[in-house]
Amino acid sequence: MIAIIRIAGQVKIRKDMVETLNRLNLKKKYSCILIDKPKAEELGMIEKIKSFVAYGEINSETLKKLIEARGKYSKSKVHFRLHPPRGGIESKKGFGVGKGVLGNNKEKINDLILRML
């Protein structure tokens, strides 16, 4: 299961990127969706907006904590609103400093979600 968290706000984002974020129901900063079995179209949308979101594989323990803290769960796309991460976020780093949290975080997405509950 893939968790996708919007990190960037709405300032200076092209209209086609805003449309893609809206289609994935990531309309506000720090909103999160879960996709159980992503289709090729959804993977293409994720690849297009990877510089505005953090995504990765969520494990069952983190999923259980997310559902307990933030709401209900069904098999379709699930939407959650999260807090800004405790300890800050490193998405605005300059050249050579590090990637931050944007893009594919693989298993590190679980740590980010736990900091945002």
C-alpha atoms as a PDB file:
ATOM      1  CA  MET A   1       0.000   0.000   0.000  1.00  0.00           C
ATOM      2  CA  ILE A   2       1.349   3.415  -0.950  1.00  0.00           C
ATOM      3  CA  ALA A   3       0.992   6.518   1.238  1.00  0.00           C
ATOM      4  CA  ILE A   4       1.270   9.907  -0.495  1.00  0.00           C
ATOM      5  CA  ILE A   5       1.660  13.132   1.523  1.00  0.00           C
ATOM      6  CA  ARG A   6       1.529  16.590  -0.037  1.00  0.00           C
ATOM      7  CA  ILE A   7       4.444  18.667   1.236  1.00  0.00           C
ATOM      8  CA  ALA A   8       4.428  21.749  -1.009  1.00  0.00           C
ATOM      9  CA  GLY A   9       1.775  24.440  -0.760  1.00  0.00           C
ATOM     10  CA  GLN A  10      -0.027  26.129  -3.654  1.00  0.00           C
ATOM     11  CA  VAL A  11       2.279  29.052  -4.392  1.00  0.00           C
ATOM     12  CA  LYS A  12       4.085  28.997  -7.768  1.00  0.00           C
ATOM     13  CA  ILE A  13       2.796  25.600  -8.900  1.00  0.00           C
ATOM     14  CA  ARG A  14       1.806  25.157 -12.554  1.00  0.00           C
ATOM     15  CA  LYS A  15      -1.867  24.587 -13.313  1.00  0.00           C
ATOM     16  CA  ASP A  16      -1.336  21.087 -14.698  1.00  0.00           C
ATOM     17  CA  MET A  17       0.418  20.069 -11.465  1.00  0.00           C
ATOM     18  CA  VAL A  18      -2.433  21.558  -9.404  1.00  0.00           C
ATOM     19  CA  GLU A  19      -4.921  19.571 -11.513  1.00  0.00           C
ATOM     20  CA  THR A  20      -2.992  16.346 -10.925  1.00  0.00           C
ATOM     21  CA  LEU A  21      -2.823  16.991  -7.168  1.00  0.00           C
ATOM     22  CA  ASN A  22      -6.578  17.686  -7.119  1.00  0.00           C
ATOM     23  CA  ARG A  23      -7.333  14.458  -9.002  1.00  0.00           C
ATOM     24  CA  LEU A  24      -5.440  12.548  -6.320  1.00  0.00           C
ATOM     25  CA  ASN A  25      -7.438  14.437  -3.635  1.00  0.00           C
ATOM     26  CA  LEU A  26      -4.295  16.161  -2.336  1.00  0.00           C
ATOM     27  CA  LYS A  27      -5.816  19.629  -2.265  1.00  0.00           C
ATOM     28  CA  LYS A  28      -4.121  21.048   0.837  1.00  0.00           C
ATOM     29  CA  LYS A  29      -0.677  20.940   2.367  1.00  0.00           C
ATOM     30  CA  TYR A  30      -0.051  17.946   4.674  1.00  0.00           C
ATOM     31  CA  SER A  31      -2.974  15.963   3.306  1.00  0.00           C
ATOM     32  CA  CYS A  32      -2.376  12.242   2.866  1.00  0.00           C
ATOM     33  CA  ILE A  33      -3.963   9.527   0.748  1.00  0.00           C
ATOM     34  CA  LEU A  34      -3.527   5.771   0.682  1.00  0.00           C
ATOM     35  CA  ILE A  35      -3.696   3.744  -2.518  1.00  0.00           C
ATOM     36  CA  ASP A  36      -3.991  -0.008  -2.009  1.00  0.00           C
ATOM     37  CA  LYS A  37      -3.106  -1.339  -5.460  1.00  0.00           C
ATOM     38  CA  PRO A  38      -2.026   1.586  -7.663  1.00  0.00           C
ATOM     39  CA  LYS A  39      -2.893   1.383 -11.347  1.00  0.00           C
ATOM     40  CA  ALA A  40      -0.544   2.494 -14.107  1.00  0.00           C
ATOM     41  CA  GLU A  41      -2.395   5.835 -14.412  1.00  0.00           C
ATOM     42  CA  GLU A  42      -2.015   6.542 -10.693  1.00  0.00           C
ATOM     43  CA  LEU A  43       1.690   5.649 -10.797  1.00  0.00           C
ATOM     44  CA  GLY A  44       2.080   8.072 -13.709  1.00  0.00           C
ATOM     45  CA  MET A  45       0.402  10.850 -11.720  1.00  0.00           C
ATOM     46  CA  ILE A  46       2.652  10.147  -8.730  1.00  0.00           C
ATOM     47  CA  GLU A  47       5.725  10.304 -10.960  1.00  0.00           C
ATOM     48  CA  LYS A  48       4.533  13.648 -12.374  1.00  0.00           C
ATOM     49  CA  ILE A  49       4.085  15.301  -8.958  1.00  0.00           C
ATOM     50  CA  LYS A  50       7.032  13.715  -7.138  1.00  0.00           C
ATOM     51  CA  SER A  51       8.665  17.110  -6.533  1.00  0.00           C
ATOM     52  CA  PHE A  52       5.647  18.238  -4.467  1.00  0.00           C
ATOM     53  CA  VAL A  53       4.873  15.094  -2.459  1.00  0.00           C
ATOM     54  CA  ALA A  54       6.512  12.451  -0.284  1.00  0.00           C
ATOM     55  CA  TYR A  55       5.454   8.863  -0.905  1.00  0.00           C
ATOM     56  CA  GLY A  56       6.419   5.324  -0.046  1.00  0.00           C
ATOM     57  CA  GLU A  57       5.293   1.926   1.195  1.00  0.00           C
ATOM     58  CA  ILE A  58       3.381   2.120   4.477  1.00  0.00           C
ATOM     59  CA  ASN A  59       3.610  -0.821   6.873  1.00  0.00           C
ATOM     60  CA  SER A  60       0.669  -2.300   8.775  1.00  0.00           C
ATOM     61  CA  GLU A  61       1.751  -0.925  12.176  1.00  0.00           C
ATOM     62  CA  THR A  62       1.872   2.662  10.913  1.00  0.00           C
ATOM     63  CA  LEU A  63      -1.404   2.151   9.037  1.00  0.00           C
ATOM     64  CA  LYS A  64      -3.117   1.021  12.231  1.00  0.00           C
ATOM     65  CA  LYS A  65      -1.834   4.071  14.158  1.00  0.00           C
ATOM     66  CA  LEU A  66      -2.891   6.394  11.316  1.00  0.00           C
ATOM     67  CA  ILE A  67      -6.429   4.995  11.248  1.00  0.00           C
ATOM     68  CA  GLU A  68      -6.755   5.173  15.050  1.00  0.00           C
ATOM     69  CA  ALA A  69      -5.542   8.770  15.156  1.00  0.00           C
ATOM     70  CA  ARG A  70      -7.116  10.186  12.005  1.00  0.00           C
ATOM     71  CA  GLY A  71     -10.245   8.380  10.908  1.00  0.00           C
ATOM     72  CA  LYS A  72     -11.948   5.596   9.048  1.00  0.00           C
ATOM     73  CA  TYR A  73     -10.619   3.225   6.418  1.00  0.00           C
ATOM     74  CA  SER A  74     -12.055   1.670   3.287  1.00  0.00           C
ATOM     75  CA  LYS A  75     -10.480  -0.148   0.335  1.00  0.00           C
ATOM     76  CA  SER A  76     -10.605   2.839  -2.057  1.00  0.00           C
ATOM     77  CA  LYS A  77      -8.482   6.021  -1.923  1.00  0.00           C
ATOM     78  CA  VAL A  78      -8.471   7.178   1.705  1.00  0.00           C
ATOM     79  CA  HIS A  79      -7.903  10.810   2.658  1.00  0.00           C
ATOM     80  CA  PHE A  80      -6.327  12.014   5.929  1.00  0.00           C
ATOM     81  CA  ARG A  81      -5.350  15.455   7.196  1.00  0.00           C
ATOM     82  CA  LEU A  82      -2.060  15.456   9.124  1.00  0.00           C
ATOM     83  CA  HIS A  83      -0.189  17.904  11.339  1.00  0.00           C
ATOM     84  CA  PRO A  84       3.097  19.442  10.207  1.00  0.00           C
ATOM     85  CA  PRO A  85       5.900  17.062  11.222  1.00  0.00           C
ATOM     86  CA  ARG A  86       7.397  17.402  14.673  1.00  0.00           C
ATOM     87  CA  GLY A  87      11.025  18.433  14.411  1.00  0.00           C
ATOM     88  CA  GLY A  88      10.456  20.246  11.125  1.00  0.00           C
ATOM     89  CA  ILE A  89      10.767  19.196   7.522  1.00  0.00           C
ATOM     90  CA  GLU A  90      13.808  19.270   5.298  1.00  0.00           C
ATOM     91  CA  SER A  91      12.219  19.751   1.888  1.00  0.00           C
ATOM     92  CA  LYS A  92      13.630  23.215   1.220  1.00  0.00           C
ATOM     93  CA  LYS A  93      17.329  22.314   1.345  1.00  0.00           C
ATOM     94  CA  GLY A  94      19.719  23.808  -1.214  1.00  0.00           C
ATOM     95  CA  PHE A  95      22.166  22.148  -3.596  1.00  0.00           C
ATOM     96  CA  GLY A  96      24.398  19.444  -2.170  1.00  0.00           C
ATOM     97  CA  VAL A  97      22.805  19.502   1.271  1.00  0.00           C
ATOM     98  CA  GLY A  98      20.414  16.597   0.858  1.00  0.00           C
ATOM     99  CA  LYS A  99      17.212  15.614  -0.832  1.00  0.00           C
ATOM    100  CA  GLY A 100      14.872  16.245   2.075  1.00  0.00           C
ATOM    101  CA  VAL A 101      11.605  14.319   2.141  1.00  0.00           C
ATOM    102  CA  LEU A 102      10.299  14.982  -1.370  1.00  0.00           C
ATOM    103  CA  GLY A 103       9.942  12.066  -3.759  1.00  0.00           C
ATOM    104  CA  ASN A 104      10.108   8.352  -3.034  1.00  0.00           C
ATOM    105  CA  ASN A 105      10.965   7.706   0.611  1.00  0.00           C
ATOM    106  CA  LYS A 106      10.355   3.926   0.518  1.00  0.00           C
ATOM    107  CA  GLU A 107      10.262   2.744   4.149  1.00  0.00           C
ATOM    108  CA  LYS A 108      11.156   6.153   5.659  1.00  0.00           C
ATOM    109  CA  ILE A 109       7.622   7.353   4.930  1.00  0.00           C
ATOM    110  CA  ASN A 110       6.542   5.478   8.084  1.00  0.00           C
ATOM    111  CA  ASP A 111       8.801   7.669  10.252  1.00  0.00           C
ATOM    112  CA  LEU A 112       7.425  10.810   8.591  1.00  0.00           C
ATOM    113  CA  ILE A 113       3.807   9.742   9.147  1.00  0.00           C
ATOM    114  CA  LEU A 114       4.460   8.960  12.809  1.00  0.00           C
ATOM    115  CA  ARG A 115       5.979  12.430  13.256  1.00  0.00           C
ATOM    116  CA  MET A 116       2.855  13.957  11.692  1.00  0.00           C
ATOM    117  CA  LEU A 117       0.208  12.202  13.846  1.00  0.00           C
END
